Amino acid sequence: MKKIKVNQDACIGCGLCIGMHPEALAFNDESKANAIAEMEDDAADEVIASCPVAAIEAE
């Protein structure tokens, strides 16, 4: 399992990551992605690679 973090300054709120893994990511009050749960390693790697602005990283 990996804990992921979303860089709020870099996030553009496109929602791609949330659409891919709604069990682990959700929109916050600023309409940006926020990690809400740890992810399986493969899923975390997939969502990190999919971010168009590289705002997601593993901790």
PDB file of N, CA and C in Angstrom:
ATOM      1  N   MET A   1       0.840  -1.186   0.000  1.00  0.00           N
ATOM      2  CA  MET A   1       0.000   0.000   0.000  1.00  0.00           C
ATOM      3  C   MET A   1       0.883   1.247   0.000  1.00  0.00           C
ATOM      4  N   LYS A   2       0.405   2.249  -0.712  1.00  0.00           N
ATOM      5  CA  LYS A   2       1.128   3.517  -0.758  1.00  0.00           C
ATOM      6  C   LYS A   2       0.217   4.642  -0.301  1.00  0.00           C
ATOM      7  N   LYS A   3       0.801   5.563   0.428  1.00  0.00           N
ATOM      8  CA  LYS A   3       0.101   6.783   0.792  1.00  0.00           C
ATOM      9  C   LYS A   3       0.472   7.812  -0.264  1.00  0.00           C
ATOM     10  N   ILE A   4      -0.523   8.453  -0.837  1.00  0.00           N
ATOM     11  CA  ILE A   4      -0.232   9.456  -1.858  1.00  0.00           C
ATOM     12  C   ILE A   4      -0.563  10.841  -1.332  1.00  0.00           C
ATOM     13  N   LYS A   5       0.029  11.817  -1.977  1.00  0.00           N
ATOM     14  CA  LYS A   5      -0.174  13.214  -1.606  1.00  0.00           C
ATOM     15  C   LYS A   5      -0.404  14.015  -2.879  1.00  0.00           C
ATOM     16  N   VAL A   6      -1.345  14.936  -2.825  1.00  0.00           N
ATOM     17  CA  VAL A   6      -1.627  15.808  -3.958  1.00  0.00           C
ATOM     18  C   VAL A   6      -1.097  17.202  -3.632  1.00  0.00           C
ATOM     19  N   ASN A   7      -0.226  17.709  -4.499  1.00  0.00           N
ATOM     20  CA  ASN A   7       0.307  19.068  -4.345  1.00  0.00           C
ATOM     21  C   ASN A   7      -0.814  20.039  -4.717  1.00  0.00           C
ATOM     22  N   GLN A   8      -1.357  20.703  -3.726  1.00  0.00           N
ATOM     23  CA  GLN A   8      -2.507  21.589  -3.946  1.00  0.00           C
ATOM     24  C   GLN A   8      -2.154  22.806  -4.809  1.00  0.00           C
ATOM     25  N   ASP A   9      -0.909  23.233  -4.785  1.00  0.00           N
ATOM     26  CA  ASP A   9      -0.505  24.366  -5.622  1.00  0.00           C
ATOM     27  C   ASP A   9      -0.439  23.980  -7.098  1.00  0.00           C
ATOM     28  N   ALA A  10      -0.121  22.718  -7.377  1.00  0.00           N
ATOM     29  CA  ALA A  10       0.015  22.261  -8.761  1.00  0.00           C
ATOM     30  C   ALA A  10      -1.285  21.706  -9.340  1.00  0.00           C
ATOM     31  N   CYS A  11      -2.159  21.176  -8.484  1.00  0.00           N
ATOM     32  CA  CYS A  11      -3.396  20.544  -8.947  1.00  0.00           C
ATOM     33  C   CYS A  11      -4.282  21.554  -9.680  1.00  0.00           C
ATOM     34  N   ILE A  12      -4.794  21.133 -10.848  1.00  0.00           N
ATOM     35  CA  ILE A  12      -5.687  22.003 -11.624  1.00  0.00           C
ATOM     36  C   ILE A  12      -7.148  21.567 -11.499  1.00  0.00           C
ATOM     37  N   GLY A  13      -7.401  20.532 -10.719  1.00  0.00           N
ATOM     38  CA  GLY A  13      -8.770  20.086 -10.475  1.00  0.00           C
ATOM     39  C   GLY A  13      -9.454  19.440 -11.667  1.00  0.00           C
ATOM     40  N   CYS A  14      -8.682  18.792 -12.526  1.00  0.00           N
ATOM     41  CA  CYS A  14      -9.281  18.193 -13.731  1.00  0.00           C
ATOM     42  C   CYS A  14     -10.149  16.980 -13.406  1.00  0.00           C
ATOM     43  N   GLY A  15      -9.862  16.299 -12.295  1.00  0.00           N
ATOM     44  CA  GLY A  15     -10.677  15.171 -11.863  1.00  0.00           C
ATOM     45  C   GLY A  15     -10.321  13.831 -12.459  1.00  0.00           C
ATOM     46  N   LEU A  16      -9.299  13.757 -13.286  1.00  0.00           N
ATOM     47  CA  LEU A  16      -8.911  12.486 -13.900  1.00  0.00           C
ATOM     48  C   LEU A  16      -8.589  11.439 -12.837  1.00  0.00           C
ATOM     49  N   CYS A  17      -7.808  11.814 -11.857  1.00  0.00           N
ATOM     50  CA  CYS A  17      -7.420  10.859 -10.807  1.00  0.00           C
ATOM     51  C   CYS A  17      -8.632  10.400 -10.005  1.00  0.00           C
ATOM     52  N   ILE A  18      -9.539  11.305  -9.723  1.00  0.00           N
ATOM     53  CA  ILE A  18     -10.736  10.964  -8.968  1.00  0.00           C
ATOM     54  C   ILE A  18     -11.618  10.017  -9.770  1.00  0.00           C
ATOM     55  N   GLY A  19     -11.723  10.248 -11.056  1.00  0.00           N
ATOM     56  CA  GLY A  19     -12.491   9.357 -11.915  1.00  0.00           C
ATOM     57  C   GLY A  19     -11.894   7.959 -11.971  1.00  0.00           C
ATOM     58  N   MET A  20     -10.577   7.875 -11.901  1.00  0.00           N
ATOM     59  CA  MET A  20      -9.892   6.584 -11.950  1.00  0.00           C
ATOM     60  C   MET A  20     -10.007   5.829 -10.627  1.00  0.00           C
ATOM     61  N   HIS A  21      -9.915   6.549  -9.510  1.00  0.00           N
ATOM     62  CA  HIS A  21      -9.892   5.911  -8.194  1.00  0.00           C
ATOM     63  C   HIS A  21     -10.684   6.725  -7.167  1.00  0.00           C
ATOM     64  N   PRO A  22     -12.017   6.733  -7.304  1.00  0.00           N
ATOM     65  CA  PRO A  22     -12.838   7.523  -6.370  1.00  0.00           C
ATOM     66  C   PRO A  22     -12.820   7.009  -4.934  1.00  0.00           C
ATOM     67  N   GLU A  23     -12.335   5.783  -4.744  1.00  0.00           N
ATOM     68  CA  GLU A  23     -12.243   5.250  -3.388  1.00  0.00           C
ATOM     69  C   GLU A  23     -11.047   5.832  -2.635  1.00  0.00           C
ATOM     70  N   ALA A  24     -10.120   6.443  -3.345  1.00  0.00           N
ATOM     71  CA  ALA A  24      -8.899   6.946  -2.709  1.00  0.00           C
ATOM     72  C   ALA A  24      -8.697   8.449  -2.862  1.00  0.00           C
ATOM     73  N   LEU A  25      -9.441   9.063  -3.778  1.00  0.00           N
ATOM     74  CA  LEU A  25      -9.287  10.504  -4.015  1.00  0.00           C
ATOM     75  C   LEU A  25     -10.664  11.161  -4.110  1.00  0.00           C
ATOM     76  N   ALA A  26     -10.730  12.424  -3.687  1.00  0.00           N
ATOM     77  CA  ALA A  26     -11.985  13.175  -3.755  1.00  0.00           C
ATOM     78  C   ALA A  26     -11.663  14.653  -3.911  1.00  0.00           C
ATOM     79  N   PHE A  27     -12.656  15.416  -4.374  1.00  0.00           N
ATOM     80  CA  PHE A  27     -12.479  16.860  -4.462  1.00  0.00           C
ATOM     81  C   PHE A  27     -12.569  17.462  -3.064  1.00  0.00           C
ATOM     82  N   ASN A  28     -11.734  18.466  -2.805  1.00  0.00           N
ATOM     83  CA  ASN A  28     -11.825  19.196  -1.543  1.00  0.00           C
ATOM     84  C   ASN A  28     -12.675  20.450  -1.758  1.00  0.00           C
ATOM     85  N   ASP A  29     -12.736  21.316  -0.772  1.00  0.00           N
ATOM     86  CA  ASP A  29     -13.560  22.526  -0.848  1.00  0.00           C
ATOM     87  C   ASP A  29     -13.095  23.509  -1.910  1.00  0.00           C
ATOM     88  N   GLU A  30     -11.844  23.352  -2.355  1.00  0.00           N
ATOM     89  CA  GLU A  30     -11.298  24.243  -3.387  1.00  0.00           C
ATOM     90  C   GLU A  30     -11.377  23.608  -4.776  1.00  0.00           C
ATOM     91  N   SER A  31     -12.136  22.514  -4.897  1.00  0.00           N
ATOM     92  CA  SER A  31     -12.305  21.775  -6.157  1.00  0.00           C
ATOM     93  C   SER A  31     -10.987  21.233  -6.699  1.00  0.00           C
ATOM     94  N   LYS A  32     -10.142  20.833  -5.782  1.00  0.00           N
ATOM     95  CA  LYS A  32      -8.883  20.188  -6.153  1.00  0.00           C
ATOM     96  C   LYS A  32      -8.881  18.790  -5.552  1.00  0.00           C
ATOM     97  N   ALA A  33      -8.083  17.906  -6.132  1.00  0.00           N
ATOM     98  CA  ALA A  33      -8.021  16.526  -5.652  1.00  0.00           C
ATOM     99  C   ALA A  33      -7.355  16.458  -4.286  1.00  0.00           C
ATOM    100  N   ASN A  34      -7.841  15.516  -3.489  1.00  0.00           N
ATOM    101  CA  ASN A  34      -7.288  15.296  -2.167  1.00  0.00           C
ATOM    102  C   ASN A  34      -7.285  13.795  -1.902  1.00  0.00           C
ATOM    103  N   ALA A  35      -6.180  13.278  -1.387  1.00  0.00           N
ATOM    104  CA  ALA A  35      -6.095  11.854  -1.067  1.00  0.00           C
ATOM    105  C   ALA A  35      -6.901  11.583   0.193  1.00  0.00           C
ATOM    106  N   ILE A  36      -7.747  10.545   0.142  1.00  0.00           N
ATOM    107  CA  ILE A  36      -8.573  10.199   1.298  1.00  0.00           C
ATOM    108  C   ILE A  36      -8.293   8.788   1.816  1.00  0.00           C
ATOM    109  N   ALA A  37      -7.465   8.029   1.101  1.00  0.00           N
ATOM    110  CA  ALA A  37      -7.140   6.665   1.525  1.00  0.00           C
ATOM    111  C   ALA A  37      -5.842   6.223   0.870  1.00  0.00           C
ATOM    112  N   GLU A  38      -5.195   5.244   1.481  1.00  0.00           N
ATOM    113  CA  GLU A  38      -4.015   4.649   0.862  1.00  0.00           C
ATOM    114  C   GLU A  38      -4.448   3.836  -0.347  1.00  0.00           C
ATOM    115  N   MET A  39      -3.510   3.588  -1.247  1.00  0.00           N
ATOM    116  CA  MET A  39      -3.814   2.871  -2.480  1.00  0.00           C
ATOM    117  C   MET A  39      -2.883   1.682  -2.650  1.00  0.00           C
ATOM    118  N   GLU A  40      -3.364   0.669  -3.344  1.00  0.00           N
ATOM    119  CA  GLU A  40      -2.505  -0.438  -3.740  1.00  0.00           C
ATOM    120  C   GLU A  40      -1.367   0.142  -4.582  1.00  0.00           C
ATOM    121  N   ASP A  41      -0.205  -0.485  -4.549  1.00  0.00           N
ATOM    122  CA  ASP A  41       0.968   0.047  -5.244  1.00  0.00           C
ATOM    123  C   ASP A  41       0.723   0.290  -6.732  1.00  0.00           C
ATOM    124  N   ASP A  42       0.132  -0.679  -7.423  1.00  0.00           N
ATOM    125  CA  ASP A  42      -0.102  -0.528  -8.864  1.00  0.00           C
ATOM    126  C   ASP A  42      -1.067   0.610  -9.163  1.00  0.00           C
ATOM    127  N   ALA A  43      -2.120   0.736  -8.364  1.00  0.00           N
ATOM    128  CA  ALA A  43      -3.102   1.803  -8.564  1.00  0.00           C
ATOM    129  C   ALA A  43      -2.468   3.165  -8.300  1.00  0.00           C
ATOM    130  N   ALA A  44      -1.652   3.253  -7.265  1.00  0.00           N
ATOM    131  CA  ALA A  44      -0.978   4.512  -6.946  1.00  0.00           C
ATOM    132  C   ALA A  44      -0.042   4.912  -8.081  1.00  0.00           C
ATOM    133  N   ASP A  45       0.719   3.954  -8.581  1.00  0.00           N
ATOM    134  CA  ASP A  45       1.628   4.257  -9.694  1.00  0.00           C
ATOM    135  C   ASP A  45       0.846   4.725 -10.918  1.00  0.00           C
ATOM    136  N   GLU A  46      -0.305   4.107 -11.173  1.00  0.00           N
ATOM    137  CA  GLU A  46      -1.143   4.464 -12.317  1.00  0.00           C
ATOM    138  C   GLU A  46      -1.676   5.896 -12.187  1.00  0.00           C
ATOM    139  N   VAL A  47      -2.173   6.243 -11.010  1.00  0.00           N
ATOM    140  CA  VAL A  47      -2.749   7.573 -10.824  1.00  0.00           C
ATOM    141  C   VAL A  47      -1.658   8.652 -10.826  1.00  0.00           C
ATOM    142  N   ILE A  48      -0.489   8.335 -10.289  1.00  0.00           N
ATOM    143  CA  ILE A  48       0.636   9.283 -10.318  1.00  0.00           C
ATOM    144  C   ILE A  48       1.034   9.575 -11.767  1.00  0.00           C
ATOM    145  N   ALA A  49       1.136   8.536 -12.571  1.00  0.00           N
ATOM    146  CA  ALA A  49       1.534   8.692 -13.972  1.00  0.00           C
ATOM    147  C   ALA A  49       0.468   9.413 -14.799  1.00  0.00           C
ATOM    148  N   SER A  50      -0.786   9.316 -14.398  1.00  0.00           N
ATOM    149  CA  SER A  50      -1.870   9.888 -15.203  1.00  0.00           C
ATOM    150  C   SER A  50      -2.067  11.396 -14.992  1.00  0.00           C
ATOM    151  N   CYS A  51      -1.550  11.934 -13.919  1.00  0.00           N
ATOM    152  CA  CYS A  51      -1.782  13.355 -13.622  1.00  0.00           C
ATOM    153  C   CYS A  51      -1.112  14.245 -14.674  1.00  0.00           C
ATOM    154  N   PRO A  52      -1.902  15.086 -15.360  1.00  0.00           N
ATOM    155  CA  PRO A  52      -1.334  15.906 -16.434  1.00  0.00           C
ATOM    156  C   PRO A  52      -0.371  16.987 -15.977  1.00  0.00           C
ATOM    157  N   VAL A  53      -0.413  17.321 -14.673  1.00  0.00           N
ATOM    158  CA  VAL A  53       0.498  18.353 -14.171  1.00  0.00           C
ATOM    159  C   VAL A  53       1.445  17.818 -13.106  1.00  0.00           C
ATOM    160  N   ALA A  54       1.541  16.509 -13.003  1.00  0.00           N
ATOM    161  CA  ALA A  54       2.448  15.844 -12.049  1.00  0.00           C
ATOM    162  C   ALA A  54       2.267  16.343 -10.633  1.00  0.00           C
ATOM    163  N   ALA A  55       1.009  16.481 -10.200  1.00  0.00           N
ATOM    164  CA  ALA A  55       0.704  16.998  -8.858  1.00  0.00           C
ATOM    165  C   ALA A  55       0.568  15.901  -7.816  1.00  0.00           C
ATOM    166  N   ILE A  56       0.656  14.627  -8.225  1.00  0.00           N
ATOM    167  CA  ILE A  56       0.456  13.527  -7.291  1.00  0.00           C
ATOM    168  C   ILE A  56       1.775  12.784  -7.100  1.00  0.00           C
ATOM    169  N   GLU A  57       2.076  12.480  -5.840  1.00  0.00           N
ATOM    170  CA  GLU A  57       3.299  11.724  -5.550  1.00  0.00           C
ATOM    171  C   GLU A  57       3.038  10.773  -4.394  1.00  0.00           C
ATOM    172  N   ALA A  58       3.879   9.765  -4.290  1.00  0.00           N
ATOM    173  CA  ALA A  58       3.804   8.824  -3.176  1.00  0.00           C
ATOM    174  C   ALA A  58       4.643   9.370  -2.033  1.00  0.00           C
ATOM    175  N   GLU A  59       4.145   9.182  -0.830  1.00  0.00           N
ATOM    176  CA  GLU A  59       4.902   9.625   0.354  1.00  0.00           C
ATOM    177  C   GLU A  59       5.774   8.517   0.864  1.00  0.00           C
TER     178      GLU A  59
END
